[in-house]
């Protein structure tokens, strides 16, 4: 790695730590729960200390910084806090930080850092493991909202994948949009009841057997999964709602679904601490593969059964 790329990386990781300090500081002001407020303040202080240590590394490397203006990014992050909640936001922030620190080992290996720099970086990494990570985990465990987010995301994901495959098959077998829409809605409603019932029973069993220590309620889980499933099913159905027929309708449906699935898969990756690119690729291959198979089946059903509607 050349000197320019190394310096750019060091500046990026410094600015990231500084940004997280600002974010956690603002989140602590917004938070009403006293215990969470104190934890966020502590996390903000930890990030500030890490930024100061990275500034020492930058000074050793004679890297001069312009004044950092974090307002636009900070505003976006605080907006995401209102939309997705604290737990998912922290997952999102730390996902980016983990990615940077995973690349740090390669940077150190490929470049000649002084012993003083290595000592500073080692101190930061040790503090990340022993202090910062436990604080973040405590925040996530304190909030039951993450369970609801999981129910919503996974419910929507199932609604997207299953109804897309069904609509693709119906779209190639039937011509008129209203018939495709009717079939799609029936499948979506049956899937909603099935998923909601499954979520209720699963959560009820886990609660009775004490498999999970959280207070996730079966009725709440069923409601979130069911509503998310029906919401997810509306995306592949949307072209037919507006009366678009045939393969053109299928194509638009697949494009819309692919975009939404990519977003959903990305959120699932962040929650599960998995690779976003791998998760998105796998999700699209499976969902589009299933849709392709049903399109072929629908086409042959139309030809051999002489369907003309």
Protein backbone atom coordinates (compact mmCIF):
# COMPACT_ATOMS: atom_id res chain seq x y z
CA UNK A 1 0.00 0.00 0.00
CA UNK A 2 1.40 3.40 -0.96
CA UNK A 3 1.88 6.31 1.44
CA UNK A 4 -1.16 8.22 0.16
CA UNK A 5 -3.57 5.30 0.74
CA UNK A 6 -2.11 4.61 4.18
CA UNK A 7 -2.52 8.25 5.23
CA UNK A 8 -6.07 8.37 3.83
CA UNK A 9 -6.96 5.27 5.85
CA UNK A 10 -5.52 6.71 9.07
CA UNK A 11 -7.45 9.95 8.57
CA UNK A 12 -10.63 7.97 7.88
CA UNK A 13 -10.35 5.89 11.05
CA UNK A 14 -9.58 9.01 13.13
CA UNK A 15 -12.59 10.86 11.73
CA UNK A 16 -14.73 7.77 12.33
CA UNK A 17 -13.82 7.66 16.02
CA UNK A 18 -14.42 11.40 16.33
CA UNK A 19 -17.78 11.09 14.61
CA UNK A 20 -18.83 8.29 16.96
CA UNK A 21 -17.88 10.49 19.91
CA UNK A 22 -20.20 13.23 18.60
CA UNK A 23 -22.99 10.75 17.85
CA UNK A 24 -22.97 9.05 21.25
CA UNK A 25 -22.76 12.43 22.96
CA UNK A 26 -25.87 13.65 21.11
CA UNK A 27 -27.67 10.34 21.68
CA UNK A 28 -27.02 10.64 25.42
CA UNK A 29 -28.72 14.06 25.38
CA UNK A 30 -31.72 12.62 23.49
CA UNK A 31 -32.05 9.53 25.70
CA UNK A 32 -34.67 9.63 28.48
CA UNK A 33 -33.66 6.40 30.24
CA UNK A 34 -31.16 7.42 32.96
CA UNK A 35 -29.10 4.23 32.83
CA UNK A 36 -28.86 4.29 29.04
CA UNK A 37 -27.96 7.98 29.15
CA UNK A 38 -24.98 7.28 31.42
CA UNK A 39 -23.85 4.34 29.31
CA UNK A 40 -23.96 6.47 26.15
CA UNK A 41 -21.94 9.20 27.88
CA UNK A 42 -19.32 6.62 28.82
CA UNK A 43 -19.25 5.28 25.26
CA UNK A 44 -18.86 8.83 23.93
CA UNK A 45 -15.90 9.41 26.25
CA UNK A 46 -14.28 6.14 25.13
CA UNK A 47 -14.61 7.12 21.46
CA UNK A 48 -13.14 10.55 22.24
CA UNK A 49 -10.11 8.92 23.88
CA UNK A 50 -9.64 6.68 20.83
CA UNK A 51 -9.80 9.72 18.53
CA UNK A 52 -7.13 11.46 20.62
CA UNK A 53 -4.88 8.40 20.37
CA UNK A 54 -5.35 8.25 16.60
CA UNK A 55 -4.49 11.95 16.47
CA UNK A 56 -1.16 11.07 18.09
CA UNK A 57 -0.51 8.56 15.30
CA UNK A 58 -1.38 11.21 12.69
CA UNK A 59 1.03 13.66 14.34
CA UNK A 60 3.83 11.07 14.28
CA UNK A 61 3.13 10.53 10.57
CA UNK A 62 3.10 14.33 10.03
CA UNK A 63 -0.43 14.19 8.64
CA UNK A 64 -2.11 17.58 8.91
CA UNK A 65 -5.89 17.70 9.11
CA UNK A 66 -8.31 20.31 7.93
CA UNK A 67 -11.04 21.28 10.36
CA UNK A 68 -13.58 18.46 10.40
CA UNK A 69 -17.20 19.36 9.78
CA UNK A 70 -19.34 16.45 10.90
CA UNK A 71 -22.74 18.17 10.80
CA UNK A 72 -24.29 16.52 7.65
CA UNK A 73 -23.25 12.99 8.61
CA UNK A 74 -24.20 13.55 12.24
CA UNK A 75 -27.64 14.83 11.19
CA UNK A 76 -28.16 11.73 9.01
CA UNK A 77 -27.21 9.37 11.84
CA UNK A 78 -29.54 11.12 14.28
CA UNK A 79 -32.31 10.89 11.66
CA UNK A 80 -31.68 7.13 11.42
CA UNK A 81 -31.99 6.98 15.22
CA UNK A 82 -35.57 8.23 14.94
CA UNK A 83 -36.41 5.84 12.11
CA UNK A 84 -34.72 2.60 13.21
CA UNK A 85 -34.18 3.09 16.95
CA UNK A 86 -31.09 3.06 19.14
CA UNK A 87 -30.20 -0.63 18.94
CA UNK A 88 -30.12 -0.90 15.16
CA UNK A 89 -28.26 2.41 14.90
CA UNK A 90 -25.51 1.15 17.23
CA UNK A 91 -25.29 -2.06 15.19
CA UNK A 92 -24.92 0.08 12.07
CA UNK A 93 -22.22 2.33 13.57
CA UNK A 94 -20.19 -0.54 14.96
CA UNK A 95 -20.53 -2.56 11.73
CA UNK A 96 -18.61 0.19 9.93
CA UNK A 97 -16.05 0.42 12.72
CA UNK A 98 -15.46 -3.35 12.73
CA UNK A 99 -14.88 -3.22 8.99
CA UNK A 100 -12.22 -0.52 9.41
CA UNK A 101 -10.44 -2.33 12.23
CA UNK A 102 -10.45 -5.59 10.26
CA UNK A 103 -8.49 -3.75 7.53
CA UNK A 104 -6.14 -2.24 10.10
CA UNK A 105 -4.15 -5.48 10.49
CA UNK A 106 -3.41 -5.43 6.76
CA UNK A 107 -2.35 -1.76 6.96
CA UNK A 108 0.05 -2.48 9.83
CA UNK A 109 1.49 -5.51 8.03
CA UNK A 110 2.07 -3.66 4.77
CA UNK A 111 3.57 -0.48 6.27
CA UNK A 112 6.46 0.36 8.55
CA UNK A 113 5.00 1.83 11.72
CA UNK A 114 7.25 2.90 14.58
CA UNK A 115 7.16 1.01 17.88
CA UNK A 116 5.42 3.99 19.47
CA UNK A 117 2.68 3.91 16.82
CA UNK A 118 2.23 0.15 17.22
CA UNK A 119 1.93 0.59 20.98
CA UNK A 120 -0.75 3.28 20.57
CA UNK A 121 -2.71 1.20 18.05
CA UNK A 122 -2.43 -1.87 20.28
CA UNK A 123 -3.81 0.13 23.20
CA UNK A 124 -6.81 1.24 21.10
CA UNK A 125 -7.54 -2.32 19.93
CA UNK A 126 -7.29 -3.67 23.48
CA UNK A 127 -9.67 -0.98 24.73
CA UNK A 128 -12.09 -1.80 21.90
CA UNK A 129 -12.24 -5.43 23.05
CA UNK A 130 -12.21 -4.98 26.82
CA UNK A 131 -14.19 -1.77 27.35
CA UNK A 132 -16.10 -0.52 24.31
CA UNK A 133 -17.57 -3.84 23.11
CA UNK A 134 -19.04 -4.80 26.53
CA UNK A 135 -20.67 -1.35 26.78
CA UNK A 136 -22.27 -1.74 23.34
CA UNK A 137 -23.49 -5.25 24.19
CA UNK A 138 -25.06 -3.92 27.38
CA UNK A 139 -27.02 -1.31 25.43
CA UNK A 140 -28.29 -3.93 22.98
CA UNK A 141 -29.36 -6.28 25.79
CA UNK A 142 -31.19 -3.47 27.61
CA UNK A 143 -33.46 -2.72 24.67
CA UNK A 144 -36.15 -5.23 23.62
CA UNK A 145 -36.74 -3.20 20.45
CA UNK A 146 -34.14 -5.21 18.53
CA UNK A 147 -36.39 -8.28 18.80
CA UNK A 148 -39.21 -6.32 17.12
CA UNK A 149 -36.82 -5.08 14.43
CA UNK A 150 -35.74 -8.67 13.74
CA UNK A 151 -39.39 -9.77 13.48
CA UNK A 152 -40.16 -6.91 11.08
CA UNK A 153 -37.11 -7.44 8.86
CA UNK A 154 -37.37 -11.22 8.65
CA UNK A 155 -41.14 -11.06 8.12
CA UNK A 156 -40.73 -8.57 5.29
CA UNK A 157 -37.95 -10.65 3.76
CA UNK A 158 -40.18 -13.75 3.64
CA UNK A 159 -43.07 -11.75 2.18
CA UNK A 160 -40.84 -10.39 -0.56
CA UNK A 161 -39.27 -13.72 -1.53
CA UNK A 162 -42.38 -15.91 -1.40
CA UNK A 163 -44.83 -13.54 -3.08
CA UNK A 164 -42.30 -12.56 -5.76
CA UNK A 165 -41.88 -16.21 -6.76
CA UNK A 166 -45.65 -16.75 -6.76
CA UNK A 167 -46.41 -13.58 -8.74
CA UNK A 168 -43.70 -14.40 -11.29
CA UNK A 169 -45.33 -17.78 -11.92
CA UNK A 170 -48.84 -16.35 -12.07
CA UNK A 171 -47.68 -13.53 -14.33
CA UNK A 172 -46.31 -15.94 -16.91
CA UNK A 173 -49.39 -18.22 -16.74
CA UNK A 174 -52.06 -15.49 -16.70
CA UNK A 175 -52.27 -12.35 -18.80
CA UNK A 176 -54.65 -9.99 -17.02
CA UNK A 177 -53.26 -8.03 -14.08
CA UNK A 178 -56.43 -8.35 -11.97
CA UNK A 179 -56.19 -12.17 -11.96
CA UNK A 180 -52.50 -12.03 -11.05
CA UNK A 181 -53.28 -9.51 -8.32
CA UNK A 182 -56.09 -11.67 -6.91
CA UNK A 183 -53.86 -14.75 -6.82
CA UNK A 184 -51.02 -12.76 -5.30
CA UNK A 185 -53.22 -11.32 -2.54
CA UNK A 186 -54.57 -14.77 -1.64
CA UNK A 187 -51.01 -16.11 -1.37
CA UNK A 188 -49.93 -13.04 0.62
CA UNK A 189 -52.82 -13.37 3.09
CA UNK A 190 -52.29 -17.10 3.60
CA UNK A 191 -48.55 -16.50 4.03
CA UNK A 192 -49.24 -13.73 6.54
CA UNK A 193 -51.42 -15.99 8.69
CA UNK A 194 -48.92 -18.83 8.43
CA UNK A 195 -45.92 -16.65 9.35
CA UNK A 196 -47.74 -14.87 12.18
CA UNK A 197 -48.94 -18.18 13.60
CA UNK A 198 -45.46 -19.66 13.33
CA UNK A 199 -43.90 -16.63 15.06
CA UNK A 200 -46.47 -16.83 17.87
CA UNK A 201 -45.91 -20.54 18.51
CA UNK A 202 -42.12 -20.25 18.24
CA UNK A 203 -41.94 -17.36 20.72
CA UNK A 204 -44.43 -19.10 23.04
CA UNK A 205 -42.33 -22.29 23.09
CA UNK A 206 -39.13 -20.34 23.70
CA UNK A 207 -40.78 -18.45 26.53
CA UNK A 208 -42.17 -21.60 28.16
CA UNK A 209 -38.87 -23.46 27.85
CA UNK A 210 -36.82 -20.42 28.96
CA UNK A 211 -34.70 -20.66 25.80
CA UNK A 212 -34.53 -16.86 25.64
CA UNK A 213 -34.10 -14.55 28.59
CA UNK A 214 -35.72 -11.52 26.95
CA UNK A 215 -39.35 -10.48 27.37
CA UNK A 216 -40.38 -10.79 23.74
CA UNK A 217 -44.15 -11.43 23.78
CA UNK A 218 -45.69 -14.06 21.45
CA UNK A 219 -48.61 -11.81 20.43
CA UNK A 220 -46.29 -8.89 19.74
CA UNK A 221 -43.94 -11.09 17.69
CA UNK A 222 -46.85 -12.50 15.66
CA UNK A 223 -48.20 -9.00 14.97
CA UNK A 224 -44.84 -7.61 13.79
CA UNK A 225 -44.08 -10.63 11.59
CA UNK A 226 -47.58 -10.68 10.08
CA UNK A 227 -47.71 -6.96 9.30
CA UNK A 228 -44.18 -7.00 7.91
CA UNK A 229 -45.00 -10.00 5.69
CA UNK A 230 -48.05 -8.33 4.15
CA UNK A 231 -46.08 -5.09 3.69
CA UNK A 232 -43.26 -6.98 1.97
CA UNK A 233 -45.75 -8.68 -0.36
CA UNK A 234 -47.03 -5.32 -1.63
CA UNK A 235 -43.74 -4.56 -3.41
CA UNK A 236 -43.86 -7.46 -5.92
CA UNK A 237 -47.62 -6.91 -6.32
CA UNK A 238 -47.32 -3.15 -6.98
CA UNK A 239 -47.03 -3.27 -10.83
CA UNK A 240 -50.21 -5.37 -11.04
CA UNK A 241 -52.03 -3.05 -8.64
CA UNK A 242 -51.50 -0.36 -11.30
CA UNK A 243 -52.77 -2.67 -14.05
CA UNK A 244 -49.46 -3.57 -15.74
CA UNK A 245 -49.84 -6.93 -17.51
CA UNK A 246 -47.67 -9.80 -18.69
CA UNK A 247 -43.91 -10.06 -18.74
CA UNK A 248 -43.46 -6.30 -18.49
CA UNK A 249 -45.30 -6.40 -15.17
CA UNK A 250 -43.12 -9.32 -14.04
CA UNK A 251 -39.94 -7.45 -15.01
CA UNK A 252 -40.94 -4.34 -13.03
CA UNK A 253 -41.98 -6.52 -10.10
CA UNK A 254 -38.58 -8.27 -10.07
CA UNK A 255 -36.66 -4.98 -10.27
CA UNK A 256 -38.62 -3.44 -7.38
CA UNK A 257 -38.24 -6.61 -5.32
CA UNK A 258 -34.49 -6.84 -6.00
CA UNK A 259 -33.97 -3.26 -4.76
CA UNK A 260 -36.03 -3.76 -1.58
CA UNK A 261 -34.49 -7.19 -0.92
CA UNK A 262 -31.00 -5.68 -1.16
CA UNK A 263 -31.92 -3.11 1.49
CA UNK A 264 -33.52 -5.74 3.75
CA UNK A 265 -30.58 -8.14 3.33
CA UNK A 266 -28.18 -5.32 4.24
CA UNK A 267 -30.08 -4.62 7.47
CA UNK A 268 -30.15 -8.34 8.32
CA UNK A 269 -26.37 -8.46 7.76
CA UNK A 270 -25.82 -5.53 10.12
CA UNK A 271 -28.01 -7.08 12.82
CA UNK A 272 -26.34 -10.49 12.41
CA UNK A 273 -22.79 -9.12 12.01
CA UNK A 274 -22.37 -10.74 8.57
CA UNK A 275 -20.89 -9.56 5.28
CA UNK A 276 -23.36 -7.26 3.49
CA UNK A 277 -22.15 -8.13 -0.03
CA UNK A 278 -22.36 -11.89 0.58
CA UNK A 279 -25.78 -11.63 2.20
CA UNK A 280 -27.22 -9.46 -0.59
CA UNK A 281 -25.75 -11.69 -3.31
CA UNK A 282 -27.07 -14.89 -1.71
CA UNK A 283 -30.52 -13.39 -1.14
CA UNK A 284 -30.83 -12.16 -4.73
CA UNK A 285 -29.61 -15.45 -6.21
CA UNK A 286 -32.13 -17.47 -4.16
CA UNK A 287 -35.10 -15.14 -4.69
CA UNK A 288 -34.47 -14.46 -8.39
CA UNK A 289 -33.69 -18.16 -8.94
CA UNK A 290 -37.03 -19.13 -7.39
CA UNK A 291 -38.80 -16.51 -9.52
CA UNK A 292 -37.12 -17.82 -12.69
CA UNK A 293 -38.26 -21.39 -11.96
CA UNK A 294 -41.86 -20.28 -11.38
CA UNK A 295 -41.83 -18.17 -14.56
CA UNK A 296 -40.84 -21.27 -16.55
CA UNK A 297 -43.49 -23.39 -14.80
CA UNK A 298 -46.12 -20.70 -15.40
CA UNK A 299 -45.21 -20.45 -19.08
CA UNK A 300 -45.53 -24.20 -19.67
CA UNK A 301 -48.76 -24.30 -17.66
CA UNK A 302 -50.15 -21.61 -19.96
CA UNK A 303 -49.04 -23.45 -23.11
CA UNK A 304 -50.09 -26.99 -22.19
CA UNK A 305 -53.26 -26.10 -20.28
CA UNK A 306 -54.28 -23.54 -22.93
CA UNK A 307 -54.87 -20.78 -20.36
CA UNK A 308 -56.16 -17.63 -22.06
CA UNK A 309 -57.07 -15.35 -19.14
